[in-house]
Protein backbone atom coordinates (compact mmCIF):
# COMPACT_ATOMS: atom_id res chain seq x y z
CA MET A 1 -16.04 -10.82 -2.13
CA TYR A 2 -17.03 -13.12 0.96
CA LEU A 3 -13.27 -14.51 1.51
CA VAL A 4 -11.87 -10.94 1.84
CA ARG A 5 -14.36 -9.32 4.23
CA GLY A 6 -13.98 -12.97 6.39
CA VAL A 7 -10.59 -12.47 6.75
CA TYR A 8 -10.36 -8.45 7.58
CA ALA A 9 -12.40 -9.37 10.10
CA THR A 10 -10.15 -11.96 11.56
CA SER A 11 -7.00 -10.34 10.87
CA LEU A 12 -8.51 -7.38 13.46
CA PHE A 13 -9.64 -10.57 15.98
CA ILE A 14 -6.42 -11.82 15.77
CA LEU A 15 -4.34 -8.20 16.03
CA MET A 16 -6.91 -8.03 19.63
CA CYS A 17 -6.24 -11.09 20.49
CA THR A 18 -2.12 -10.49 19.95
CA ALA A 19 -2.71 -7.23 21.94
CA TRP A 20 -4.39 -9.18 24.72
CA LEU A 21 -1.80 -12.16 24.78
CA ILE A 22 1.14 -8.95 25.00
CA VAL A 23 -0.68 -7.59 28.08
CA ALA A 24 -0.84 -10.59 29.71
CA GLY A 25 2.41 -11.73 29.35
CA THR A 26 4.16 -8.42 30.46
CA GLN A 27 1.45 -6.96 33.12
CA VAL A 28 -0.04 -7.76 36.09
CA ILE A 29 -3.72 -6.64 35.37
CA SER A 30 -5.19 -6.27 38.69
CA THR A 31 -7.87 -4.00 38.64
CA ILE A 32 -11.17 -2.50 36.26
CA GLY A 33 -8.56 0.67 35.16
CA ASP A 34 -6.20 -1.59 34.03
CA MET A 35 -8.92 -3.25 31.83
CA ALA A 36 -9.56 0.05 30.75
CA ARG A 37 -6.95 1.30 29.88
CA PHE A 38 -5.88 -1.74 27.93
CA GLY A 39 -9.31 -1.10 25.93
CA SER A 40 -8.72 2.69 25.29
CA ILE A 41 -5.13 1.73 23.97
CA LEU A 42 -6.21 -1.00 21.70
CA PHE A 43 -9.19 1.29 20.56
CA GLN A 44 -6.60 3.66 19.67
CA ILE A 45 -4.48 1.25 17.28
CA LEU A 46 -6.83 -0.22 15.44
CA VAL A 47 -9.02 2.77 14.76
CA PRO A 48 -6.17 4.68 12.75
CA LEU A 49 -4.94 0.82 10.95
CA GLN A 50 -8.56 1.06 9.80
CA LEU A 51 -8.56 4.55 8.83
CA THR A 52 -5.79 4.10 6.61
CA LEU A 53 -6.93 0.75 5.13
CA ILE A 54 -10.09 2.57 3.69
CA LEU A 55 -8.94 5.83 2.56
CA PHE A 56 -6.06 3.30 0.79
CA LEU A 57 -8.89 0.95 -0.78
CA SER A 58 -11.54 3.56 -1.72
CA ALA A 59 -9.04 5.48 -3.51
CA ILE A 60 -7.00 3.06 -5.35
CA GLN A 61 -10.48 0.75 -6.23
CA SER A 62 -12.40 3.74 -7.16
CA ALA A 63 -9.71 4.99 -9.63
CA ALA A 64 -8.69 1.67 -10.48
CA ALA A 65 -12.39 0.29 -11.50
CA VAL A 66 -12.27 3.69 -14.06
CA ALA A 67 -8.94 3.71 -15.40
CA GLN A 68 -9.49 -0.22 -16.87
CA GLU A 69 -12.28 0.25 -18.49
CA LYS A 70 -9.92 3.13 -20.28
CA ASP A 71 -7.34 0.95 -20.66
CA LYS A 72 -9.74 -1.70 -22.40
CA ASN A 73 -11.75 0.98 -24.43
CA THR A 74 -15.13 0.03 -22.77
CA PHE A 75 -15.60 3.16 -21.33
CA ILE A 76 -16.04 4.71 -24.48
CA LEU A 77 -18.95 2.22 -25.36
CA LEU A 78 -20.41 3.52 -22.41
CA LEU A 79 -20.77 6.39 -23.33
CA MET A 80 -22.66 5.96 -26.47
CA THR A 81 -25.11 4.17 -24.31
CA ARG A 82 -28.08 6.22 -23.34
CA MET A 83 -27.03 6.35 -19.79
CA GLY A 84 -26.41 9.53 -18.01
CA ASN A 85 -23.60 11.34 -16.59
CA ALA A 86 -25.32 11.03 -13.59
CA GLU A 87 -25.47 7.27 -14.03
CA LEU A 88 -22.01 6.44 -15.26
CA VAL A 89 -20.18 8.33 -12.63
CA LEU A 90 -22.08 7.10 -9.50
CA GLY A 91 -22.79 3.90 -11.16
CA ARG A 92 -19.24 3.22 -10.85
CA LEU A 93 -18.08 4.60 -7.88
CA PHE A 94 -20.58 3.16 -5.41
CA ALA A 95 -19.70 0.00 -7.02
CA SER A 96 -16.06 0.38 -5.93
CA LEU A 97 -17.26 1.72 -2.63
CA LEU A 98 -19.20 -1.94 -2.15
CA GLN A 99 -16.76 -3.57 -1.08
CA VAL A 100 -14.48 -1.11 1.79
CA MET A 101 -18.38 -0.20 2.91
CA MET A 102 -18.66 -3.45 3.67
CA LEU A 103 -15.18 -4.03 5.65
CA ILE A 104 -16.29 -0.74 7.48
CA ALA A 105 -19.90 -3.42 8.36
CA VAL A 106 -17.64 -5.87 9.22
CA SER A 107 -15.39 -4.25 11.69
CA LEU A 108 -18.22 -3.52 13.95
CA PRO A 109 -18.82 -6.19 15.82
CA ILE A 110 -14.62 -6.72 16.39
CA LEU A 111 -14.90 -2.22 17.87
CA MET A 112 -17.69 -3.40 19.98
CA LEU A 113 -16.05 -6.00 21.53
CA THR A 114 -13.65 -3.17 22.83
CA THR A 115 -16.14 -1.88 24.57
CA LEU A 116 -16.26 -4.58 27.01
CA PHE A 117 -12.90 -3.95 28.66
CA GLY A 118 -13.89 -0.48 29.21
CA GLY A 119 -12.64 2.95 28.14
CA VAL A 120 -14.42 2.70 25.07
CA ALA A 121 -18.49 4.10 24.61
CA VAL A 122 -20.78 2.81 22.11
CA GLU A 123 -20.98 6.42 20.71
CA GLN A 124 -16.96 6.57 20.10
CA VAL A 125 -17.31 3.22 17.93
CA LEU A 126 -20.26 4.82 15.84
CA TRP A 127 -18.67 8.04 15.29
CA VAL A 128 -15.70 6.03 14.23
CA ALA A 129 -17.58 4.52 11.40
CA ALA A 130 -19.23 7.76 10.14
CA VAL A 131 -16.06 9.26 10.24
CA THR A 132 -14.13 6.61 8.40
CA SER A 133 -17.41 6.34 5.84
CA VAL A 134 -16.96 9.97 5.37
CA ALA A 135 -13.14 9.45 4.69
CA GLY A 136 -13.89 6.71 2.13
CA LEU A 137 -16.60 8.62 0.39
CA ALA A 138 -14.50 11.43 0.10
CA ALA A 139 -11.16 9.38 -0.86
CA GLY A 140 -13.37 7.27 -3.65
CA SER A 141 -14.99 10.49 -4.86
CA LEU A 142 -11.54 11.78 -5.74
CA GLY A 143 -9.67 8.29 -7.03
CA SER A 144 -12.94 8.44 -9.46
CA THR A 145 -12.89 11.85 -10.26
CA VAL A 146 -8.76 12.20 -11.39
CA ALA A 147 -9.55 8.76 -12.93
CA LEU A 148 -11.89 10.15 -15.14
CA TRP A 149 -9.83 13.07 -16.39
CA ARG A 150 -6.87 11.41 -16.92
CA ASP A 151 -6.25 8.86 -19.78
CA LYS A 152 -3.48 6.94 -18.26
CA THR A 153 -3.83 4.52 -15.15
CA PHE A 154 -0.43 5.66 -13.30
CA GLN A 155 -1.22 9.55 -13.89
CA SER A 156 -4.67 8.66 -12.07
CA LEU A 157 -3.02 6.45 -8.98
CA ALA A 158 -0.15 8.83 -9.15
CA LEU A 159 -2.09 11.95 -8.70
CA THR A 160 -4.64 10.22 -6.16
CA ILE A 161 -1.90 9.19 -3.55
CA MET A 162 -0.32 12.39 -4.28
CA VAL A 163 -3.06 14.57 -3.92
CA ILE A 164 -4.26 12.39 -0.24
CA ALA A 165 -0.45 12.43 0.70
CA ALA A 166 -1.10 16.59 0.39
CA TRP A 167 -4.66 16.22 2.20
CA LEU A 168 -3.42 14.48 5.09
CA GLY A 169 0.13 16.17 5.66
CA GLY A 170 -0.99 19.54 4.78
CA TRP A 171 -3.30 19.61 7.07
CA GLU A 172 -1.33 18.15 9.99
CA ALA A 173 1.00 20.82 9.13
CA ILE A 174 -1.73 23.36 9.81
CA GLY A 175 -2.62 21.86 13.18
CA TRP A 176 1.40 21.74 14.16
CA ILE A 177 1.47 25.39 13.42
CA LEU A 178 -1.66 26.02 15.18
CA ARG A 179 -0.81 23.57 18.25
CA THR A 180 -4.18 22.92 19.20
CA PRO A 181 -4.11 20.27 21.85
CA LEU A 182 -7.01 17.93 21.67
CA ALA A 183 -8.04 18.23 25.24
CA SER A 184 -8.36 21.82 25.27
CA SER A 185 -11.63 22.78 25.77
CA SER A 186 -11.60 25.09 22.45
CA VAL A 187 -12.89 23.44 19.17
CA ASP A 188 -9.96 22.14 16.80
CA TRP A 189 -11.02 23.73 13.78
CA VAL A 190 -8.63 21.85 11.96
CA SER A 191 -10.28 18.47 12.54
CA TRP A 192 -13.15 19.43 9.78
CA ALA A 193 -10.75 18.91 7.13
CA SER A 194 -8.21 16.22 8.30
CA PRO A 195 -9.69 12.90 8.91
CA ALA A 196 -6.65 11.99 10.82
CA ARG A 197 -7.28 14.59 13.61
CA ALA A 198 -10.82 14.03 13.26
CA ILE A 199 -10.31 10.24 14.44
CA GLN A 200 -8.00 10.88 17.11
CA ILE A 201 -10.78 12.93 18.34
CA ALA A 202 -12.67 10.05 18.21
CA THR A 203 -10.82 8.07 20.34
CA GLN A 204 -10.30 9.99 22.83
CA PRO A 205 -12.76 10.13 25.83
CA MET A 206 -15.68 12.07 24.65
CA LEU A 207 -16.60 13.43 28.50
CA GLY A 208 -19.76 12.87 28.49
CA THR A 209 -21.02 14.65 24.75
CA ARG A 210 -22.91 12.63 22.40
CA PHE A 211 -22.50 14.85 19.70
CA PRO A 212 -18.76 16.52 19.14
CA LEU A 213 -18.84 19.44 17.25
CA GLU A 214 -15.36 18.59 15.46
CA LEU A 215 -16.88 15.02 14.11
CA ILE A 216 -19.63 16.97 13.28
CA GLY A 217 -17.57 19.35 11.00
CA PHE A 218 -15.55 16.60 9.33
CA SER A 219 -18.64 14.52 8.78
CA ALA A 220 -20.25 17.56 7.02
CA CYS A 221 -16.90 18.87 5.30
CA GLY A 222 -16.32 15.61 3.65
CA ILE A 223 -20.25 14.87 2.08
CA VAL A 224 -19.54 18.28 0.82
CA ILE A 225 -16.19 17.69 -0.81
CA ALA A 226 -17.49 14.37 -2.22
CA THR A 227 -20.34 16.03 -3.50
CA LEU A 228 -18.32 18.86 -4.96
CA LEU A 229 -16.09 16.16 -6.97
CA ASN A 230 -18.99 14.17 -8.43
CA ALA A 231 -21.03 16.91 -9.41
CA TRP A 232 -17.58 17.97 -11.25
CA ALA A 233 -17.24 14.90 -12.53
CA ILE A 234 -20.72 14.44 -13.95
CA LEU A 235 -20.68 17.98 -15.47
CA ARG A 236 -17.25 17.46 -17.57
CA VAL A 237 -17.20 13.46 -17.82
CA ARG A 238 -18.13 13.62 -21.90
CA ALA A 239 -15.60 16.72 -22.12
CA TRP A 240 -12.78 14.74 -21.00
CA ASN A 241 -13.84 11.33 -22.78
CA PRO A 242 -12.58 10.49 -24.72
CA GLY A 243 -9.36 12.09 -24.03
CA ARG A 244 -7.07 13.51 -26.92
CA GLU A 245 -4.14 10.65 -26.00
CA VAL A 246 -6.87 7.99 -27.09
CA ARG A 247 -8.23 9.95 -30.19
CA PRO A 248 -7.64 8.85 -33.59
CA GLN A 249 -5.24 11.44 -35.23
CA GLN A 250 -5.86 13.28 -38.38
CA PRO A 251 -3.91 12.76 -41.01
CA GLU A 252 -1.64 15.50 -42.45
CA PHE A 253 -2.93 16.60 -45.87
CA SER A 254 -1.00 18.77 -48.15
CA ASP A 255 -1.63 22.66 -48.12
CA ASP A 256 -2.53 22.46 -51.87
CA ARG A 257 -5.38 20.57 -52.13
CA SER A 258 -5.96 21.13 -55.50
CA GLU A 259 -2.27 19.67 -56.23
CA ALA A 260 -3.21 16.62 -54.90
CA ALA A 261 -6.31 16.01 -56.31
CA ASP A 262 -4.83 16.72 -60.04
CA LYS A 263 -1.93 14.23 -59.26
CA GLN A 264 -4.49 11.64 -58.22
CA THR A 265 -6.84 11.99 -61.57
CA ALA A 266 -3.81 11.82 -63.52
CA THR A 267 -2.88 8.13 -61.57
CA ALA A 268 -6.21 7.17 -62.31
CA GLY A 269 -6.52 7.90 -65.62
CA GLU A 270 -3.18 6.53 -66.79
CA LEU A 271 -4.30 3.23 -64.89
CA ASP A 272 -7.67 3.41 -66.67
CA SER A 273 -5.88 3.66 -70.34
CA GLY A 274 -3.90 0.55 -69.06
CA ALA A 275 0.10 2.43 -69.22
CA GLU A 276 2.40 1.17 -66.91
CA LEU A 277 3.78 2.24 -63.80
CA GLY A 278 7.33 2.78 -62.60
CA PRO A 279 7.20 1.01 -58.71
CA MET A 280 5.54 2.61 -56.43
CA VAL A 281 7.80 4.01 -53.79
CA VAL A 282 6.67 5.60 -50.57
CA ARG A 283 8.41 8.15 -48.90
CA PRO A 284 8.38 9.12 -44.85
CA THR A 285 7.36 12.24 -44.40
CA SER A 286 9.54 12.39 -41.49
CA PRO A 287 12.91 10.79 -40.43
CA SER A 288 12.46 7.42 -38.59
CA ARG A 289 13.81 7.63 -35.09
CA PRO A 290 16.77 4.82 -34.33
CA VAL A 291 15.73 2.33 -31.95
CA TRP A 292 18.24 0.50 -29.51
CA ASN A 293 18.39 -3.43 -29.26
CA ASN A 294 16.34 -3.23 -26.56
CA PRO A 295 13.08 -1.91 -28.00
CA VAL A 296 10.97 -2.19 -24.41
CA LEU A 297 14.17 0.13 -22.54
CA TRP A 298 14.22 2.24 -25.61
CA ARG A 299 10.14 2.77 -25.40
CA GLU A 300 10.19 3.21 -21.62
CA MET A 301 12.88 5.70 -21.92
CA LYS A 302 12.61 7.52 -24.72
CA THR A 303 8.94 7.54 -25.93
CA TRP A 304 6.05 8.97 -24.13
CA ALA A 305 5.02 5.65 -22.86
CA TYR A 306 2.92 6.54 -20.07
CA GLY A 307 1.25 10.41 -21.29
CA ARG A 308 2.99 13.84 -21.81
CA LYS A 309 1.18 14.50 -18.58
CA ILE A 310 3.48 12.39 -16.32
CA VAL A 311 5.27 16.19 -16.23
CA PHE A 312 2.71 17.57 -14.27
CA ILE A 313 3.18 14.22 -11.92
CA ARG A 314 6.51 15.15 -11.46
CA LEU A 315 5.72 18.64 -10.66
CA ALA A 316 3.75 17.88 -8.18
CA TYR A 317 5.42 15.31 -6.51
CA TRP A 318 8.16 18.18 -6.61
CA LEU A 319 5.92 20.15 -4.90
CA LEU A 320 5.29 17.62 -2.24
CA ALA A 321 8.96 17.07 -1.50
CA LEU A 322 9.82 20.63 -1.12
CA ALA A 323 7.40 20.59 1.50
CA VAL A 324 8.76 17.62 3.30
CA LEU A 325 11.87 19.14 3.09
CA GLY A 326 10.99 22.72 4.71
CA ALA A 327 9.04 20.43 7.62
CA SER A 328 12.23 17.74 8.20
CA TYR A 329 14.84 21.20 8.59
CA TYR A 330 11.86 22.51 10.58
CA LEU A 331 11.31 19.61 13.04
CA ALA A 332 15.48 18.99 12.85
CA THR A 333 16.23 22.46 13.87
CA SER A 334 13.53 22.70 16.74
CA GLU A 335 14.27 22.27 20.50
CA GLY A 336 12.07 19.06 20.65
CA ASP A 337 13.77 16.59 18.30
CA SER A 338 12.28 13.73 19.57
CA PHE A 339 9.33 12.05 21.77
CA GLU A 340 9.21 9.13 23.82
CA GLU A 341 6.37 6.35 24.13
CA ALA A 342 6.68 3.49 26.51
CA GLY A 343 10.50 4.10 27.42
CA VAL A 344 11.34 4.48 23.34
CA THR A 345 12.39 7.92 22.02
CA ILE A 346 11.64 7.93 18.36
CA PRO A 347 12.74 11.14 16.31
CA LEU A 348 10.13 13.16 15.54
CA LEU A 349 11.31 13.15 11.64
CA ALA A 350 10.23 9.66 11.32
CA ARG A 351 6.03 11.08 11.36
CA VAL A 352 7.36 13.34 8.53
CA LEU A 353 9.74 10.92 6.24
CA GLY A 354 8.76 7.66 6.89
CA PRO A 355 4.86 8.59 5.14
CA PHE A 356 7.09 10.43 2.56
CA TYR A 357 9.31 7.33 1.82
CA LEU A 358 5.97 4.93 1.85
CA ALA A 359 4.13 7.24 -1.13
CA SER A 360 7.23 7.15 -3.28
CA LEU A 361 7.52 3.18 -2.57
CA VAL A 362 4.14 3.32 -3.51
CA LEU A 363 4.36 5.56 -6.85
CA VAL A 364 7.44 3.66 -7.71
CA ASN A 365 5.24 0.44 -7.71
CA ALA A 366 2.31 1.78 -9.13
CA LEU A 367 4.10 2.51 -12.08
CA ALA A 368 5.51 -0.89 -12.32
CA VAL A 369 2.25 -2.81 -12.02
CA THR A 370 1.18 -0.76 -14.62
CA SER A 371 3.40 -0.90 -17.61
CA ILE A 372 2.49 -4.16 -17.17
CA THR A 373 -1.46 -4.05 -17.41
CA ASN A 374 -1.56 -1.28 -19.88
CA GLU A 375 0.16 -3.32 -22.53
CA ARG A 376 -1.77 -6.46 -21.84
CA ASP A 377 -5.62 -4.60 -21.80
CA GLY A 378 -4.13 -3.06 -24.94
CA ARG A 379 -3.36 -6.17 -26.47
CA ALA A 380 0.68 -5.26 -26.90
CA LEU A 381 2.12 -8.49 -24.86
CA ASP A 382 0.63 -10.35 -27.57
CA LEU A 383 2.94 -8.76 -30.17
CA LEU A 384 5.96 -8.60 -27.95
CA MET A 385 5.85 -12.77 -27.44
CA VAL A 386 5.71 -13.73 -31.57
CA THR A 387 9.03 -11.59 -31.35
CA ASP A 388 12.35 -12.37 -31.00
CA LEU A 389 12.41 -10.40 -28.00
CA SER A 390 13.30 -12.55 -25.34
CA PRO A 391 12.42 -12.75 -21.48
CA LYS A 392 15.48 -11.10 -20.26
CA GLU A 393 15.20 -7.95 -22.35
CA PHE A 394 11.57 -7.60 -21.47
CA LEU A 395 12.13 -7.96 -17.94
CA PHE A 396 15.52 -5.26 -17.83
CA GLY A 397 14.34 -3.17 -20.56
CA LYS A 398 10.83 -2.94 -17.99
CA LEU A 399 12.75 -2.39 -14.25
CA LEU A 400 15.34 -0.13 -15.73
CA GLY A 401 12.54 1.82 -17.47
CA VAL A 402 10.27 2.28 -14.52
CA LEU A 403 13.48 3.34 -12.46
CA TYR A 404 14.03 5.49 -14.79
CA VAL A 405 10.85 7.13 -15.16
CA THR A 406 10.41 7.34 -11.31
CA ARG A 407 14.13 8.52 -11.02
CA ASP A 408 12.21 11.69 -8.72
CA MET A 409 10.44 9.42 -6.45
CA VAL A 410 14.19 7.38 -6.02
CA VAL A 411 16.66 10.53 -5.49
CA TRP A 412 14.81 12.55 -3.61
CA PRO A 413 14.20 10.41 -0.75
CA LEU A 414 18.11 10.57 -0.72
CA ILE A 415 18.42 14.13 -0.64
CA LEU A 416 16.63 13.99 2.13
CA ALA A 417 18.23 11.92 3.95
CA VAL A 418 21.78 13.22 3.26
CA VAL A 419 20.11 16.70 4.67
CA ALA A 420 19.19 14.86 7.57
CA TRP A 421 23.01 13.72 7.95
CA TRP A 422 23.77 17.24 7.49
CA LEU A 423 21.30 18.65 10.14
CA GLU A 424 22.75 15.85 12.57
CA ALA A 425 19.92 13.75 12.98
CA MET A 426 21.40 10.78 12.00
CA ARG A 427 25.04 9.64 12.12
CA THR A 428 27.48 8.53 8.94
CA PRO A 429 26.52 4.87 9.31
CA GLU A 430 22.53 5.13 10.01
CA LEU A 431 23.26 7.61 6.31
CA ILE A 432 25.17 4.49 4.21
CA TYR A 433 22.41 1.72 5.69
CA LEU A 434 19.60 4.37 4.66
CA VAL A 435 20.73 5.21 1.49
CA LEU A 436 21.93 1.25 0.43
CA GLY A 437 18.32 0.39 2.10
CA TRP A 438 16.57 2.64 0.30
CA LEU A 439 17.74 1.64 -3.06
CA LEU A 440 17.43 -1.92 -2.32
CA MET A 441 13.56 -1.81 -1.73
CA CYS A 442 13.04 0.54 -4.57
CA GLY A 443 14.54 -2.48 -6.63
CA PHE A 444 12.32 -4.60 -4.51
CA VAL A 445 8.75 -2.53 -4.81
CA THR A 446 9.89 -2.81 -8.91
CA MET A 447 10.22 -5.91 -9.35
CA LEU A 448 6.79 -6.99 -6.93
CA GLY A 449 4.75 -4.70 -9.39
CA ILE A 450 6.01 -6.37 -12.70
CA HIS A 451 5.64 -9.97 -10.74
CA CYS A 452 1.90 -8.91 -9.99
CA GLY A 453 1.14 -7.63 -13.32
CA SER A 454 2.41 -10.45 -14.77
CA SER A 455 0.45 -12.66 -12.53
CA TYR A 456 -2.92 -11.70 -12.52
CA THR A 457 -5.40 -11.35 -15.40
CA ASN A 458 -7.57 -8.86 -13.94
CA SER A 459 -5.81 -5.22 -14.02
CA ARG A 460 -7.64 -4.11 -10.78
CA GLN A 461 -6.74 -7.43 -9.08
CA ALA A 462 -3.24 -6.90 -9.77
CA VAL A 463 -3.17 -3.25 -8.99
CA ALA A 464 -4.77 -4.07 -5.42
CA VAL A 465 -2.45 -6.82 -4.67
CA SER A 466 0.93 -5.04 -5.70
CA LEU A 467 0.25 -1.64 -3.58
CA GLY A 468 -1.88 -3.95 -1.05
CA SER A 469 1.73 -5.39 -0.42
CA VAL A 470 3.23 -2.78 0.16
CA PHE A 471 0.62 -1.20 2.52
CA PHE A 472 0.73 -4.64 4.30
CA LEU A 473 4.47 -4.92 4.88
CA PHE A 474 5.24 -1.26 5.91
CA VAL A 475 1.87 -0.15 7.82
CA GLY A 476 2.08 -3.81 9.23
CA VAL A 477 5.36 -2.85 11.18
CA LEU A 478 4.24 0.53 11.88
CA THR A 479 1.21 -1.18 14.13
CA CYS A 480 3.03 -4.01 15.64
CA MET A 481 5.88 -1.15 16.34
CA TYR A 482 3.07 0.86 18.11
CA MET A 483 1.54 -2.06 19.61
CA MET A 484 5.07 -3.37 21.39
CA VAL A 485 6.05 0.32 22.62
CA SER A 486 2.17 0.88 23.96
CA PHE A 487 2.06 -2.14 25.56
CA GLY A 488 4.92 -2.15 27.77
CA SER A 489 8.82 -3.97 27.43
CA PHE A 490 8.54 -5.11 23.81
CA GLN A 491 11.31 -8.25 24.55
CA GLY A 492 10.60 -11.86 24.49
CA GLN A 493 7.25 -10.93 22.41
CA LEU A 494 7.71 -13.20 19.66
CA THR A 495 4.83 -16.00 20.78
CA PRO A 496 2.56 -13.06 21.19
CA PHE A 497 2.34 -12.28 17.24
CA LEU A 498 3.19 -15.78 16.01
CA ALA A 499 -0.40 -15.88 15.00
CA PHE A 500 -0.18 -12.69 13.55
CA ILE A 501 3.45 -13.67 11.53
CA VAL A 502 1.96 -17.06 10.52
CA GLY A 503 -1.03 -15.12 8.90
CA GLY A 504 0.72 -12.61 7.27
CA GLY A 505 2.83 -15.27 5.44
CA ILE A 506 -0.17 -17.36 4.42
CA GLY A 507 -1.61 -14.08 3.07
CA LEU A 508 1.89 -13.54 1.14
CA TYR A 509 1.83 -16.52 -0.22
CA VAL A 510 -1.43 -16.93 -1.89
CA SER A 511 -1.10 -13.36 -3.19
CA TRP A 512 2.15 -13.80 -4.49
CA GLY A 513 2.43 -17.05 -5.69
CA ARG A 514 -0.65 -18.47 -6.44
CA GLN A 515 -0.75 -18.13 -10.23
CA ASN A 516 2.89 -18.47 -10.34
CA PRO A 517 3.97 -20.90 -7.52
CA SER A 518 7.44 -21.79 -6.68
CA PRO A 519 9.68 -22.74 -3.57
CA ALA A 520 11.73 -19.43 -3.72
CA ILE A 521 8.38 -17.85 -2.95
CA LEU A 522 7.17 -20.17 -0.18
CA LEU A 523 10.33 -19.34 1.25
CA THR A 524 10.35 -15.84 1.14
CA THR A 525 6.41 -15.55 1.96
CA GLY A 526 7.50 -17.84 5.12
CA VAL A 527 10.74 -15.92 6.25
CA LEU A 528 9.64 -12.07 5.38
CA PRO A 529 6.92 -11.50 7.90
CA LEU A 530 9.16 -13.20 10.97
CA ALA A 531 12.07 -11.29 9.31
CA MET A 532 9.98 -7.80 9.76
CA PHE A 533 9.12 -8.75 13.07
CA PHE A 534 13.16 -9.46 14.21
CA VAL A 535 14.11 -5.80 12.07
CA VAL A 536 10.99 -3.82 14.69
CA THR A 537 12.69 -5.33 18.12
CA SER A 538 16.05 -4.58 16.69
CA PHE A 539 15.14 -1.24 15.71
CA LEU A 540 13.69 -0.62 19.33
CA LEU A 541 16.57 -1.98 20.85
CA GLY A 542 18.98 1.11 18.54
CA ARG A 543 20.62 -2.13 16.65
CA THR A 544 20.76 -0.72 13.27
CA MET A 545 22.95 -2.47 11.65
CA SER A 546 21.12 -5.27 12.62
CA VAL A 547 18.05 -4.00 10.77
CA PHE A 548 19.94 -3.22 7.76
CA LEU A 549 21.92 -6.59 7.35
CA VAL A 550 18.23 -8.64 7.61
CA MET A 551 16.56 -6.44 5.86
CA THR A 552 19.28 -6.55 2.89
CA ALA A 553 19.42 -10.22 3.31
CA THR A 554 15.39 -10.72 2.98
CA TYR A 555 14.13 -8.69 0.27
CA GLY A 556 17.66 -9.18 -1.37
CA PHE A 557 16.28 -12.76 -1.44
CA ALA A 558 12.52 -11.99 -2.06
CA THR A 559 13.94 -9.85 -5.15
CA THR A 560 15.68 -12.53 -6.55
CA ALA A 561 13.15 -14.99 -5.84
CA MET A 562 10.37 -13.23 -7.99
CA MET A 563 13.32 -12.23 -10.63
CA MET A 564 13.90 -15.68 -11.47
CA PRO A 565 10.98 -17.66 -13.24
CA ALA A 566 11.06 -14.38 -15.17
CA LEU A 567 14.00 -14.48 -16.51
CA GLY A 568 13.29 -18.51 -17.82
CA GLU A 569 9.94 -18.01 -19.83
CA TYR A 570 7.27 -14.73 -20.30
CA MET A 571 5.53 -15.16 -16.86
CA ILE A 572 2.57 -12.93 -18.19
CA ALA A 573 -0.99 -14.48 -17.13
CA MET A 574 -2.18 -14.65 -21.50
CA GLY A 575 -3.09 -18.05 -21.77
CA ARG A 576 -4.98 -17.75 -18.70
CA MET A 577 -7.08 -14.92 -19.95
CA ARG A 578 -7.64 -15.92 -23.12
CA LEU A 579 -9.37 -18.63 -21.97
CA GLN A 580 -11.46 -16.94 -19.49
CA GLU A 581 -12.96 -15.04 -22.27
CA ASP A 582 -13.30 -17.64 -24.62
CA GLU A 583 -15.95 -18.87 -21.86
C-alpha cells in the first residue's frame, strides 16, 4: 500500500528532474519567461499522463475486484448475507478506488512544485485534481457495473476497455468535427463529456477565471454518470447474479414421467426380492465429442471457455475497428495529414491508429492473463498438474488458444496497416516492418500475460501487473517522445533519461522476476528500457529500419526469456498459494 504511493510520487519527481536536465542541457534559460514556459510544458506533460494512468487503474481495479470474487465463487456468499445492494456495490467500488484516490493525493505536492517555475496557477492544479478524481470515479463505476453484469473476467475487462476507448475516441471525433479551438471565447461543450479535452482546458492559462464553465460542466457530468451507473448496478445486482453460466444445470427428465417411475418401482421390487440383475450399462444421452491430443488447445478453440457472450465482445470490437477505419480514411485523404511539433513531423494517423493498436494489445494481454487466473481460481490447475499433460503442451495450448480467440484483435490492426499503405500514408518497407513488428508484439503480450498469471497467486495482482506492464512500456514511450520533442533537440539526451531508464528496469524486474527469478529475465528488464529509448530516438530521426531491428531483437528475447522456464516445468504459483491459504 505505502510502496505504491512512494514509487508513484518518486516517479513523477524523477520525470520532473529529467525534464529540467533536458532543458538545462539543450537550452539557455535566462529570463523568467523561459522558466514559466518550462513549467507550463512540464505541467502539460505530467497531467495527461496522470489522467491516463488513473482512468486505466480505476477501471481495471474495480472490474478485477468484482471479477475475482466471482471467479472464486465468494460473491455468491456475499449475496446470501444481510448486506444490502448498496453495500455490495458501493463498498466494493470505494474499496477498489481507495488506492487510486491516494495516488491523486500524493501527486498534489509534485504538481504544486510546477507552480514555482511560473506559468501554472494553483487553481489549475486544484482543477486538475478535481477533473482527474471525477474521471477516475466514472471509470471505476463503469468497471464495477460491467463486472457485476458479466460473469467472466475477460468479458468484464474487455468491455470496460472498449467502452473507455469509445468514450475518449468518440468525443474526440465530435470535437474534431465541430472544430472548437481551445483558445476561443465560445464554450467547448464537448469537454463536458470528454476527460481528455477537459484536462487540456485545465492545463491552458485560465486568464484570471477561477470557475471555468467547461471544467464545472465536466465535473457535474462525471458525477451524474457515476451516479447513474451505480444506481443501475444497485437495482440489478441480484438479478444479474448469480449468472446463467454459474447456475447449476437442471437434469433433463423424460417426457413420460410415469413410465420412468414404473421402471424405478420395478427395479426396487427386484432388489427387494433378491433377484439377480445383469450388469448395469450407462448409455450417454448424447455422442461424445472427440478431443485432440492437446486438450488445452482443444478447450480454447472448440468450447466456450470464456463464455458465450464473448461474441458481443467481438462485435463491439468490430464496431470500434470500423470507426477507426473511417477516421483513418478521412485523415489520410484530408489536406493536413501531419502536424509538426518542435521540428518533428508526426502523421495525424498516429493519433488514431496508435491508441487503437494499444487497446488491441491490452485486450490480447487481458485474455492471456485471465486464461491462467480463471483456471487457478476455479481449482482446474490442480487437476491439470496430476495428468500426463506436459508443460510444453500446456504452454503452447494456451498461447495458440489465446491468439485464436483474439484473432479479431490481431487481424484488424493488420488490415488498417494495409489500408494506410493503400492510401499512400506509408511506404512498402514501413508496411513490412509494421506487420512483422505487430505479430511479434502480439506474441510478446500473450506470453507476458501467461507469465504474470502463472507467477502471482492473487488474480487481481496478476491482472494489474500484466496490463500495467503493457501500459508502462507504451505510455512511457509516448511520454518520453513528447518530452523529447517539447524541449527542443533530442540528440544526446541519454544522460537526462538515465534515472528514468534505470528505475524502469528495476520496476520491470520486480514485476516480472520477483516470483520466478532468472538471469534471462534480469537481462531483459535491464536492456528493454534502454532499447526503447533508442527506438524513440531512431523513430524521431526517421530510421525505421533501426526501430524494427531493435524492437525485434529486444521483444523477441523477452518473449523467449519468459517462455523457456515455462517449457521446463509448470511455473504456476500453486504451492505458494496453498501455503498462504493454510496459514
